[in-house]
Amino acid sequence: ARTARESLELVFQMSNILDTGLDRHTLSVLIALCDQGLNPEA
């Protein structure tokens, strides 16, 4: 759980640097979908 929180925080920081406008919840959902095998580019 700690590793997952730290990873999400890192992804959120990267998202902010890239100015994506994605919030933590949206990033979390996108990561979960990738973990389920969905194509990240799609």
PDB file of all heavy atoms in Angstrom:
ATOM      1  N   ALA A   1       0.838  -1.206   0.000  1.00  0.00           N
ATOM      2  CA  ALA A   1       0.000   0.000   0.000  1.00  0.00           C
ATOM      3  C   ALA A   1       0.874   1.257   0.000  1.00  0.00           C
ATOM      4  O   ALA A   1       0.592   2.219  -0.722  1.00  0.00           O
ATOM      5  CB  ALA A   1      -0.939  -0.002   1.199  1.00  0.00           C
ATOM      6  N   ARG A   2       1.929   1.235   0.789  1.00  0.00           N
ATOM      7  CA  ARG A   2       2.842   2.385   0.847  1.00  0.00           C
ATOM      8  C   ARG A   2       3.523   2.588  -0.500  1.00  0.00           C
ATOM      9  O   ARG A   2       3.626   3.716  -1.007  1.00  0.00           O
ATOM     10  CB  ARG A   2       3.873   2.202   1.955  1.00  0.00           C
ATOM     11  CG  ARG A   2       4.828   3.384   2.100  1.00  0.00           C
ATOM     12  CD  ARG A   2       5.782   3.246   3.279  1.00  0.00           C
ATOM     13  NE  ARG A   2       6.373   1.934   3.459  1.00  0.00           N
ATOM     14  CZ  ARG A   2       7.398   1.446   2.741  1.00  0.00           C
ATOM     15  NH1 ARG A   2       7.957   2.184   1.815  1.00  0.00           N
ATOM     16  NH2 ARG A   2       7.875   0.241   2.976  1.00  0.00           N
ATOM     17  N   THR A   3       3.975   1.513  -1.103  1.00  0.00           N
ATOM     18  CA  THR A   3       4.627   1.596  -2.411  1.00  0.00           C
ATOM     19  C   THR A   3       3.661   2.129  -3.462  1.00  0.00           C
ATOM     20  O   THR A   3       4.039   2.965  -4.291  1.00  0.00           O
ATOM     21  CB  THR A   3       5.164   0.212  -2.829  1.00  0.00           C
ATOM     22  OG1 THR A   3       6.108  -0.235  -1.854  1.00  0.00           O
ATOM     23  CG2 THR A   3       5.826   0.256  -4.196  1.00  0.00           C
ATOM     24  N   ALA A   4       2.401   1.671  -3.414  1.00  0.00           N
ATOM     25  CA  ALA A   4       1.397   2.140  -4.372  1.00  0.00           C
ATOM     26  C   ALA A   4       1.145   3.635  -4.194  1.00  0.00           C
ATOM     27  O   ALA A   4       1.054   4.381  -5.183  1.00  0.00           O
ATOM     28  CB  ALA A   4       0.097   1.354  -4.202  1.00  0.00           C
ATOM     29  N   ARG A   5       1.051   4.101  -2.945  1.00  0.00           N
ATOM     30  CA  ARG A   5       0.848   5.532  -2.686  1.00  0.00           C
ATOM     31  C   ARG A   5       2.035   6.356  -3.176  1.00  0.00           C
ATOM     32  O   ARG A   5       1.866   7.415  -3.796  1.00  0.00           O
ATOM     33  CB  ARG A   5       0.623   5.788  -1.193  1.00  0.00           C
ATOM     34  CG  ARG A   5      -0.784   5.512  -0.718  1.00  0.00           C
ATOM     35  CD  ARG A   5      -1.011   6.042   0.680  1.00  0.00           C
ATOM     36  NE  ARG A   5      -0.059   5.563   1.660  1.00  0.00           N
ATOM     37  CZ  ARG A   5      -0.155   4.425   2.336  1.00  0.00           C
ATOM     38  NH1 ARG A   5      -1.182   3.636   2.142  1.00  0.00           N
ATOM     39  NH2 ARG A   5       0.761   4.076   3.206  1.00  0.00           N
ATOM     40  N   GLU A   6       3.243   5.863  -2.903  1.00  0.00           N
ATOM     41  CA  GLU A   6       4.446   6.575  -3.350  1.00  0.00           C
ATOM     42  C   GLU A   6       4.526   6.619  -4.873  1.00  0.00           C
ATOM     43  O   GLU A   6       4.896   7.649  -5.447  1.00  0.00           O
ATOM     44  CB  GLU A   6       5.696   5.918  -2.765  1.00  0.00           C
ATOM     45  CG  GLU A   6       5.852   6.117  -1.271  1.00  0.00           C
ATOM     46  CD  GLU A   6       6.977   5.304  -0.667  1.00  0.00           C
ATOM     47  OE1 GLU A   6       7.618   4.510  -1.405  1.00  0.00           O
ATOM     48  OE2 GLU A   6       7.221   5.448   0.544  1.00  0.00           O
ATOM     49  N   SER A   7       4.170   5.526  -5.517  1.00  0.00           N
ATOM     50  CA  SER A   7       4.188   5.484  -6.984  1.00  0.00           C
ATOM     51  C   SER A   7       3.167   6.446  -7.565  1.00  0.00           C
ATOM     52  O   SER A   7       3.458   7.167  -8.526  1.00  0.00           O
ATOM     53  CB  SER A   7       3.893   4.068  -7.477  1.00  0.00           C
ATOM     54  OG  SER A   7       4.916   3.187  -7.080  1.00  0.00           O
ATOM     55  N   LEU A   8       1.973   6.474  -6.978  1.00  0.00           N
ATOM     56  CA  LEU A   8       0.944   7.387  -7.454  1.00  0.00           C
ATOM     57  C   LEU A   8       1.389   8.837  -7.261  1.00  0.00           C
ATOM     58  O   LEU A   8       1.178   9.681  -8.134  1.00  0.00           O
ATOM     59  CB  LEU A   8      -0.387   7.129  -6.750  1.00  0.00           C
ATOM     60  CG  LEU A   8      -1.539   8.033  -7.185  1.00  0.00           C
ATOM     61  CD1 LEU A   8      -1.802   7.920  -8.681  1.00  0.00           C
ATOM     62  CD2 LEU A   8      -2.785   7.713  -6.389  1.00  0.00           C
ATOM     63  N   GLU A   9       2.018   9.130  -6.131  1.00  0.00           N
ATOM     64  CA  GLU A   9       2.503  10.492  -5.887  1.00  0.00           C
ATOM     65  C   GLU A   9       3.553  10.877  -6.922  1.00  0.00           C
ATOM     66  O   GLU A   9       3.552  12.001  -7.430  1.00  0.00           O
ATOM     67  CB  GLU A   9       3.063  10.613  -4.473  1.00  0.00           C
ATOM     68  CG  GLU A   9       3.506  12.005  -4.107  1.00  0.00           C
ATOM     69  CD  GLU A   9       2.391  13.046  -4.175  1.00  0.00           C
ATOM     70  OE1 GLU A   9       1.217  12.697  -3.970  1.00  0.00           O
ATOM     71  OE2 GLU A   9       2.704  14.220  -4.463  1.00  0.00           O
ATOM     72  N   LEU A  10       4.443   9.960  -7.257  1.00  0.00           N
ATOM     73  CA  LEU A  10       5.465  10.223  -8.271  1.00  0.00           C
ATOM     74  C   LEU A  10       4.826  10.481  -9.638  1.00  0.00           C
ATOM     75  O   LEU A  10       5.183  11.437 -10.334  1.00  0.00           O
ATOM     76  CB  LEU A  10       6.446   9.054  -8.350  1.00  0.00           C
ATOM     77  CG  LEU A  10       7.548   9.161  -9.388  1.00  0.00           C
ATOM     78  CD1 LEU A  10       8.426  10.378  -9.119  1.00  0.00           C
ATOM     79  CD2 LEU A  10       8.369   7.894  -9.402  1.00  0.00           C
ATOM     80  N   VAL A  11       3.856   9.650  -9.998  1.00  0.00           N
ATOM     81  CA  VAL A  11       3.161   9.829 -11.275  1.00  0.00           C
ATOM     82  C   VAL A  11       2.419  11.165 -11.282  1.00  0.00           C
ATOM     83  O   VAL A  11       2.416  11.882 -12.289  1.00  0.00           O
ATOM     84  CB  VAL A  11       2.193   8.657 -11.540  1.00  0.00           C
ATOM     85  CG1 VAL A  11       1.272   8.943 -12.715  1.00  0.00           C
ATOM     86  CG2 VAL A  11       2.971   7.373 -11.780  1.00  0.00           C
ATOM     87  N   PHE A  12       1.812  11.535 -10.150  1.00  0.00           N
ATOM     88  CA  PHE A  12       1.103  12.805 -10.057  1.00  0.00           C
ATOM     89  C   PHE A  12       2.066  13.983 -10.229  1.00  0.00           C
ATOM     90  O   PHE A  12       1.755  14.950 -10.927  1.00  0.00           O
ATOM     91  CB  PHE A  12       0.350  12.899  -8.730  1.00  0.00           C
ATOM     92  CG  PHE A  12      -0.438  14.163  -8.569  1.00  0.00           C
ATOM     93  CD1 PHE A  12      -1.528  14.429  -9.394  1.00  0.00           C
ATOM     94  CD2 PHE A  12      -0.099  15.079  -7.602  1.00  0.00           C
ATOM     95  CE1 PHE A  12      -2.264  15.598  -9.251  1.00  0.00           C
ATOM     96  CE2 PHE A  12      -0.824  16.250  -7.447  1.00  0.00           C
ATOM     97  CZ  PHE A  12      -1.914  16.515  -8.276  1.00  0.00           C
ATOM     98  N   GLN A  13       3.232  13.896  -9.612  1.00  0.00           N
ATOM     99  CA  GLN A  13       4.232  14.960  -9.770  1.00  0.00           C
ATOM    100  C   GLN A  13       4.675  15.075 -11.222  1.00  0.00           C
ATOM    101  O   GLN A  13       4.809  16.180 -11.761  1.00  0.00           O
ATOM    102  CB  GLN A  13       5.426  14.710  -8.854  1.00  0.00           C
ATOM    103  CG  GLN A  13       5.123  14.917  -7.391  1.00  0.00           C
ATOM    104  CD  GLN A  13       6.294  14.539  -6.503  1.00  0.00           C
ATOM    105  OE1 GLN A  13       7.387  14.255  -6.959  1.00  0.00           O
ATOM    106  NE2 GLN A  13       6.050  14.531  -5.197  1.00  0.00           N
ATOM    107  N   MET A  14       4.911  13.944 -11.873  1.00  0.00           N
ATOM    108  CA  MET A  14       5.290  13.958 -13.283  1.00  0.00           C
ATOM    109  C   MET A  14       4.169  14.558 -14.132  1.00  0.00           C
ATOM    110  O   MET A  14       4.415  15.343 -15.050  1.00  0.00           O
ATOM    111  CB  MET A  14       5.616  12.542 -13.758  1.00  0.00           C
ATOM    112  CG  MET A  14       6.877  11.986 -13.151  1.00  0.00           C
ATOM    113  SD  MET A  14       7.136  10.227 -13.466  1.00  0.00           S
ATOM    114  CE  MET A  14       7.027  10.127 -15.215  1.00  0.00           C
ATOM    115  N   SER A  15       2.937  14.196 -13.801  1.00  0.00           N
ATOM    116  CA  SER A  15       1.779  14.723 -14.511  1.00  0.00           C
ATOM    117  C   SER A  15       1.705  16.239 -14.391  1.00  0.00           C
ATOM    118  O   SER A  15       1.406  16.938 -15.366  1.00  0.00           O
ATOM    119  CB  SER A  15       0.505  14.076 -13.951  1.00  0.00           C
ATOM    120  OG  SER A  15      -0.639  14.650 -14.502  1.00  0.00           O
ATOM    121  N   ASN A  16       1.994  16.747 -13.198  1.00  0.00           N
ATOM    122  CA  ASN A  16       1.984  18.198 -12.992  1.00  0.00           C
ATOM    123  C   ASN A  16       3.105  18.881 -13.767  1.00  0.00           C
ATOM    124  O   ASN A  16       2.902  19.953 -14.353  1.00  0.00           O
ATOM    125  CB  ASN A  16       2.098  18.540 -11.509  1.00  0.00           C
ATOM    126  CG  ASN A  16       0.808  18.275 -10.774  1.00  0.00           C
ATOM    127  OD1 ASN A  16      -0.268  18.250 -11.357  1.00  0.00           O
ATOM    128  ND2 ASN A  16       0.906  18.060  -9.480  1.00  0.00           N
ATOM    129  N   ILE A  17       4.287  18.275 -13.785  1.00  0.00           N
ATOM    130  CA  ILE A  17       5.409  18.845 -14.534  1.00  0.00           C
ATOM    131  C   ILE A  17       5.061  18.917 -16.017  1.00  0.00           C
ATOM    132  O   ILE A  17       5.375  19.903 -16.695  1.00  0.00           O
ATOM    133  CB  ILE A  17       6.697  18.019 -14.310  1.00  0.00           C
ATOM    134  CG1 ILE A  17       7.188  18.198 -12.868  1.00  0.00           C
ATOM    135  CG2 ILE A  17       7.779  18.391 -15.313  1.00  0.00           C
ATOM    136  CD1 ILE A  17       8.270  17.212 -12.449  1.00  0.00           C
ATOM    137  N   LEU A  18       4.386  17.888 -16.510  1.00  0.00           N
ATOM    138  CA  LEU A  18       3.999  17.847 -17.919  1.00  0.00           C
ATOM    139  C   LEU A  18       2.713  18.623 -18.194  1.00  0.00           C
ATOM    140  O   LEU A  18       2.271  18.705 -19.339  1.00  0.00           O
ATOM    141  CB  LEU A  18       3.836  16.390 -18.375  1.00  0.00           C
ATOM    142  CG  LEU A  18       5.115  15.565 -18.342  1.00  0.00           C
ATOM    143  CD1 LEU A  18       4.801  14.093 -18.578  1.00  0.00           C
ATOM    144  CD2 LEU A  18       6.110  16.083 -19.357  1.00  0.00           C
ATOM    145  N   ASP A  19       2.128  19.171 -17.136  1.00  0.00           N
ATOM    146  CA  ASP A  19       0.913  19.990 -17.244  1.00  0.00           C
ATOM    147  C   ASP A  19      -0.223  19.240 -17.937  1.00  0.00           C
ATOM    148  O   ASP A  19      -0.877  19.765 -18.841  1.00  0.00           O
ATOM    149  CB  ASP A  19       1.226  21.305 -17.965  1.00  0.00           C
ATOM    150  CG  ASP A  19       0.149  22.350 -17.752  1.00  0.00           C
ATOM    151  OD1 ASP A  19      -0.553  22.294 -16.717  1.00  0.00           O
ATOM    152  OD2 ASP A  19       0.005  23.221 -18.620  1.00  0.00           O
ATOM    153  N   THR A  20      -0.468  17.999 -17.490  1.00  0.00           N
ATOM    154  CA  THR A  20      -1.534  17.200 -18.096  1.00  0.00           C
ATOM    155  C   THR A  20      -2.913  17.590 -17.593  1.00  0.00           C
ATOM    156  O   THR A  20      -3.908  17.336 -18.274  1.00  0.00           O
ATOM    157  CB  THR A  20      -1.332  15.700 -17.804  1.00  0.00           C
ATOM    158  OG1 THR A  20      -1.496  15.472 -16.402  1.00  0.00           O
ATOM    159  CG2 THR A  20       0.010  15.213 -18.286  1.00  0.00           C
ATOM    160  N   GLY A  21      -2.979  18.156 -16.385  1.00  0.00           N
ATOM    161  CA  GLY A  21      -4.272  18.507 -15.814  1.00  0.00           C
ATOM    162  C   GLY A  21      -5.015  17.322 -15.225  1.00  0.00           C
ATOM    163  O   GLY A  21      -6.178  17.443 -14.845  1.00  0.00           O
ATOM    164  N   LEU A  22      -4.364  16.170 -15.136  1.00  0.00           N
ATOM    165  CA  LEU A  22      -5.007  14.981 -14.577  1.00  0.00           C
ATOM    166  C   LEU A  22      -4.856  14.978 -13.065  1.00  0.00           C
ATOM    167  O   LEU A  22      -3.779  15.247 -12.540  1.00  0.00           O
ATOM    168  CB  LEU A  22      -4.391  13.710 -15.166  1.00  0.00           C
ATOM    169  CG  LEU A  22      -4.543  13.543 -16.677  1.00  0.00           C
ATOM    170  CD1 LEU A  22      -3.747  12.344 -17.148  1.00  0.00           C
ATOM    171  CD2 LEU A  22      -5.996  13.417 -17.065  1.00  0.00           C
ATOM    172  N   ASP A  23      -5.941  14.647 -12.364  1.00  0.00           N
ATOM    173  CA  ASP A  23      -5.880  14.579 -10.911  1.00  0.00           C
ATOM    174  C   ASP A  23      -5.445  13.182 -10.458  1.00  0.00           C
ATOM    175  O   ASP A  23      -5.312  12.263 -11.271  1.00  0.00           O
ATOM    176  CB  ASP A  23      -7.219  14.969 -10.280  1.00  0.00           C
ATOM    177  CG  ASP A  23      -8.368  14.065 -10.714  1.00  0.00           C
ATOM    178  OD1 ASP A  23      -8.127  12.933 -11.168  1.00  0.00           O
ATOM    179  OD2 ASP A  23      -9.523  14.495 -10.579  1.00  0.00           O
ATOM    180  N   ARG A  24      -5.226  13.035  -9.166  1.00  0.00           N
ATOM    181  CA  ARG A  24      -4.748  11.750  -8.627  1.00  0.00           C
ATOM    182  C   ARG A  24      -5.731  10.621  -8.905  1.00  0.00           C
ATOM    183  O   ARG A  24      -5.326   9.511  -9.236  1.00  0.00           O
ATOM    184  CB  ARG A  24      -4.494  11.863  -7.119  1.00  0.00           C
ATOM    185  CG  ARG A  24      -3.214  12.548  -6.767  1.00  0.00           C
ATOM    186  CD  ARG A  24      -3.020  12.567  -5.244  1.00  0.00           C
ATOM    187  NE  ARG A  24      -1.795  13.237  -4.877  1.00  0.00           N
ATOM    188  CZ  ARG A  24      -1.671  14.532  -4.694  1.00  0.00           C
ATOM    189  NH1 ARG A  24      -2.699  15.331  -4.847  1.00  0.00           N
ATOM    190  NH2 ARG A  24      -0.503  15.047  -4.362  1.00  0.00           N
ATOM    191  N   HIS A  25      -7.014  10.906  -8.761  1.00  0.00           N
ATOM    192  CA  HIS A  25      -8.020   9.856  -8.975  1.00  0.00           C
ATOM    193  C   HIS A  25      -7.982   9.363 -10.420  1.00  0.00           C
ATOM    194  O   HIS A  25      -7.972   8.158 -10.673  1.00  0.00           O
ATOM    195  CB  HIS A  25      -9.420  10.365  -8.613  1.00  0.00           C
ATOM    196  CG  HIS A  25     -10.489   9.371  -8.910  1.00  0.00           C
ATOM    197  ND1 HIS A  25     -10.683   8.250  -8.136  1.00  0.00           N
ATOM    198  CD2 HIS A  25     -11.398   9.301  -9.918  1.00  0.00           C
ATOM    199  CE1 HIS A  25     -11.670   7.545  -8.644  1.00  0.00           C
ATOM    200  NE2 HIS A  25     -12.115   8.159  -9.726  1.00  0.00           N
ATOM    201  N   THR A  26      -7.954  10.297 -11.369  1.00  0.00           N
ATOM    202  CA  THR A  26      -7.921   9.915 -12.780  1.00  0.00           C
ATOM    203  C   THR A  26      -6.656   9.128 -13.094  1.00  0.00           C
ATOM    204  O   THR A  26      -6.713   8.102 -13.781  1.00  0.00           O
ATOM    205  CB  THR A  26      -8.003  11.167 -13.667  1.00  0.00           C
ATOM    206  OG1 THR A  26      -9.202  11.882 -13.342  1.00  0.00           O
ATOM    207  CG2 THR A  26      -7.997  10.808 -15.140  1.00  0.00           C
ATOM    208  N   LEU A  27      -5.531   9.589 -12.579  1.00  0.00           N
ATOM    209  CA  LEU A  27      -4.279   8.857 -12.790  1.00  0.00           C
ATOM    210  C   LEU A  27      -4.357   7.457 -12.198  1.00  0.00           C
ATOM    211  O   LEU A  27      -3.903   6.487 -12.810  1.00  0.00           O
ATOM    212  CB  LEU A  27      -3.105   9.624 -12.185  1.00  0.00           C
ATOM    213  CG  LEU A  27      -2.731  10.915 -12.905  1.00  0.00           C
ATOM    214  CD1 LEU A  27      -1.788  11.742 -12.055  1.00  0.00           C
ATOM    215  CD2 LEU A  27      -2.122  10.616 -14.266  1.00  0.00           C
ATOM    216  N   SER A  28      -4.950   7.341 -11.023  1.00  0.00           N
ATOM    217  CA  SER A  28      -5.101   6.041 -10.378  1.00  0.00           C
ATOM    218  C   SER A  28      -5.944   5.095 -11.229  1.00  0.00           C
ATOM    219  O   SER A  28      -5.599   3.917 -11.398  1.00  0.00           O
ATOM    220  CB  SER A  28      -5.725   6.222  -8.994  1.00  0.00           C
ATOM    221  OG  SER A  28      -5.940   4.981  -8.376  1.00  0.00           O
ATOM    222  N   VAL A  29      -7.030   5.614 -11.784  1.00  0.00           N
ATOM    223  CA  VAL A  29      -7.887   4.795 -12.652  1.00  0.00           C
ATOM    224  C   VAL A  29      -7.127   4.376 -13.906  1.00  0.00           C
ATOM    225  O   VAL A  29      -7.177   3.208 -14.320  1.00  0.00           O
ATOM    226  CB  VAL A  29      -9.182   5.555 -13.012  1.00  0.00           C
ATOM    227  CG1 VAL A  29      -9.959   4.852 -14.107  1.00  0.00           C
ATOM    228  CG2 VAL A  29     -10.046   5.753 -11.773  1.00  0.00           C
ATOM    229  N   LEU A  30      -6.402   5.304 -14.511  1.00  0.00           N
ATOM    230  CA  LEU A  30      -5.639   4.984 -15.717  1.00  0.00           C
ATOM    231  C   LEU A  30      -4.564   3.935 -15.442  1.00  0.00           C
ATOM    232  O   LEU A  30      -4.355   3.013 -16.238  1.00  0.00           O
ATOM    233  CB  LEU A  30      -5.020   6.250 -16.305  1.00  0.00           C
ATOM    234  CG  LEU A  30      -6.021   7.257 -16.883  1.00  0.00           C
ATOM    235  CD1 LEU A  30      -5.319   8.562 -17.239  1.00  0.00           C
ATOM    236  CD2 LEU A  30      -6.740   6.674 -18.089  1.00  0.00           C
ATOM    237  N   ILE A  31      -3.899   4.055 -14.300  1.00  0.00           N
ATOM    238  CA  ILE A  31      -2.880   3.068 -13.924  1.00  0.00           C
ATOM    239  C   ILE A  31      -3.527   1.696 -13.725  1.00  0.00           C
ATOM    240  O   ILE A  31      -3.009   0.672 -14.185  1.00  0.00           O
ATOM    241  CB  ILE A  31      -2.121   3.523 -12.664  1.00  0.00           C
ATOM    242  CG1 ILE A  31      -1.242   4.730 -12.989  1.00  0.00           C
ATOM    243  CG2 ILE A  31      -1.280   2.385 -12.090  1.00  0.00           C
ATOM    244  CD1 ILE A  31      -0.681   5.438 -11.770  1.00  0.00           C
ATOM    245  N   ALA A  32      -4.672   1.677 -13.043  1.00  0.00           N
ATOM    246  CA  ALA A  32      -5.376   0.407 -12.810  1.00  0.00           C
ATOM    247  C   ALA A  32      -5.790  -0.237 -14.132  1.00  0.00           C
ATOM    248  O   ALA A  32      -5.678  -1.462 -14.295  1.00  0.00           O
ATOM    249  CB  ALA A  32      -6.592   0.635 -11.921  1.00  0.00           C
ATOM    250  N   LEU A  33      -6.254   0.572 -15.069  1.00  0.00           N
ATOM    251  CA  LEU A  33      -6.633   0.036 -16.376  1.00  0.00           C
ATOM    252  C   LEU A  33      -5.422  -0.540 -17.110  1.00  0.00           C
ATOM    253  O   LEU A  33      -5.516  -1.592 -17.746  1.00  0.00           O
ATOM    254  CB  LEU A  33      -7.316   1.118 -17.217  1.00  0.00           C
ATOM    255  CG  LEU A  33      -8.712   1.519 -16.741  1.00  0.00           C
ATOM    256  CD1 LEU A  33      -9.201   2.754 -17.498  1.00  0.00           C
ATOM    257  CD2 LEU A  33      -9.692   0.373 -16.886  1.00  0.00           C
ATOM    258  N   CYS A  34      -4.296   0.130 -17.021  1.00  0.00           N
ATOM    259  CA  CYS A  34      -3.057  -0.404 -17.619  1.00  0.00           C
ATOM    260  C   CYS A  34      -2.661  -1.706 -16.941  1.00  0.00           C
ATOM    261  O   CYS A  34      -2.244  -2.662 -17.613  1.00  0.00           O
ATOM    262  CB  CYS A  34      -1.930   0.614 -17.527  1.00  0.00           C
ATOM    263  SG  CYS A  34      -2.114   2.026 -18.618  1.00  0.00           S
ATOM    264  N   ASP A  35      -2.801  -1.760 -15.615  1.00  0.00           N
ATOM    265  CA  ASP A  35      -2.482  -2.982 -14.881  1.00  0.00           C
ATOM    266  C   ASP A  35      -3.379  -4.142 -15.307  1.00  0.00           C
ATOM    267  O   ASP A  35      -2.978  -5.307 -15.241  1.00  0.00           O
ATOM    268  CB  ASP A  35      -2.617  -2.772 -13.373  1.00  0.00           C
ATOM    269  CG  ASP A  35      -1.492  -1.942 -12.774  1.00  0.00           C
ATOM    270  OD1 ASP A  35      -0.449  -1.771 -13.455  1.00  0.00           O
ATOM    271  OD2 ASP A  35      -1.652  -1.467 -11.640  1.00  0.00           O
ATOM    272  N   GLN A  36      -4.598  -3.809 -15.757  1.00  0.00           N
ATOM    273  CA  GLN A  36      -5.531  -4.839 -16.223  1.00  0.00           C
ATOM    274  C   GLN A  36      -5.265  -5.256 -17.671  1.00  0.00           C
ATOM    275  O   GLN A  36      -5.946  -6.111 -18.203  1.00  0.00           O
ATOM    276  CB  GLN A  36      -6.977  -4.346 -16.088  1.00  0.00           C
ATOM    277  CG  GLN A  36      -7.427  -4.151 -14.660  1.00  0.00           C
ATOM    278  CD  GLN A  36      -7.460  -5.454 -13.899  1.00  0.00           C
ATOM    279  OE1 GLN A  36      -7.926  -6.473 -14.401  1.00  0.00           O
ATOM    280  NE2 GLN A  36      -6.951  -5.434 -12.684  1.00  0.00           N
ATOM    281  N   GLY A  37      -4.283  -4.591 -18.298  1.00  0.00           N
ATOM    282  CA  GLY A  37      -3.879  -4.999 -19.629  1.00  0.00           C
ATOM    283  C   GLY A  37      -4.330  -4.095 -20.756  1.00  0.00           C
ATOM    284  O   GLY A  37      -4.070  -4.394 -21.923  1.00  0.00           O
ATOM    285  N   LEU A  38      -5.011  -2.988 -20.446  1.00  0.00           N
ATOM    286  CA  LEU A  38      -5.408  -2.075 -21.507  1.00  0.00           C
ATOM    287  C   LEU A  38      -4.186  -1.374 -22.080  1.00  0.00           C
ATOM    288  O   LEU A  38      -3.225  -1.101 -21.370  1.00  0.00           O
ATOM    289  CB  LEU A  38      -6.404  -1.043 -20.990  1.00  0.00           C
ATOM    290  CG  LEU A  38      -7.880  -1.446 -21.136  1.00  0.00           C
ATOM    291  CD1 LEU A  38      -8.230  -2.576 -20.208  1.00  0.00           C
ATOM    292  CD2 LEU A  38      -8.767  -0.274 -20.952  1.00  0.00           C
ATOM    293  N   ASN A  39      -4.254  -1.064 -23.345  1.00  0.00           N
ATOM    294  CA  ASN A  39      -3.153  -0.429 -24.056  1.00  0.00           C
ATOM    295  C   ASN A  39      -3.020   1.031 -23.600  1.00  0.00           C
ATOM    296  O   ASN A  39      -3.958   1.809 -23.754  1.00  0.00           O
ATOM    297  CB  ASN A  39      -3.441  -0.497 -25.556  1.00  0.00           C
ATOM    298  CG  ASN A  39      -2.346   0.098 -26.391  1.00  0.00           C
ATOM    299  OD1 ASN A  39      -1.668   1.032 -25.986  1.00  0.00           O
ATOM    300  ND2 ASN A  39      -2.166  -0.452 -27.579  1.00  0.00           N
ATOM    301  N   PRO A  40      -1.859   1.420 -23.054  1.00  0.00           N
ATOM    302  CA  PRO A  40      -1.681   2.799 -22.588  1.00  0.00           C
ATOM    303  C   PRO A  40      -1.862   3.846 -23.691  1.00  0.00           C
ATOM    304  O   PRO A  40      -2.391   4.926 -23.435  1.00  0.00           O
ATOM    305  CB  PRO A  40      -0.246   2.821 -22.056  1.00  0.00           C
ATOM    306  CG  PRO A  40       0.138   1.413 -21.856  1.00  0.00           C
ATOM    307  CD  PRO A  40      -0.686   0.597 -22.795  1.00  0.00           C
ATOM    308  N   GLU A  41      -1.441   3.529 -24.901  1.00  0.00           N
ATOM    309  CA  GLU A  41      -1.609   4.478 -25.995  1.00  0.00           C
ATOM    310  C   GLU A  41      -3.082   4.672 -26.328  1.00  0.00           C
ATOM    311  O   GLU A  41      -3.519   5.792 -26.634  1.00  0.00           O
ATOM    312  CB  GLU A  41      -0.824   4.017 -27.224  1.00  0.00           C
ATOM    313  CG  GLU A  41       0.675   4.126 -27.036  1.00  0.00           C
ATOM    314  CD  GLU A  41       1.450   3.660 -28.248  1.00  0.00           C
ATOM    315  OE1 GLU A  41       0.865   3.573 -29.355  1.00  0.00           O
ATOM    316  OE2 GLU A  41       2.650   3.400 -28.097  1.00  0.00           O
ATOM    317  N   ALA A  42      -3.854   3.588 -26.261  1.00  0.00           N
ATOM    318  CA  ALA A  42      -5.292   3.698 -26.512  1.00  0.00           C
ATOM    319  C   ALA A  42      -5.958   4.535 -25.419  1.00  0.00           C
ATOM    320  O   ALA A  42      -6.830   5.358 -25.709  1.00  0.00           O
ATOM    321  CB  ALA A  42      -5.924   2.306 -26.583  1.00  0.00           C
TER     322      ALA A  42
END
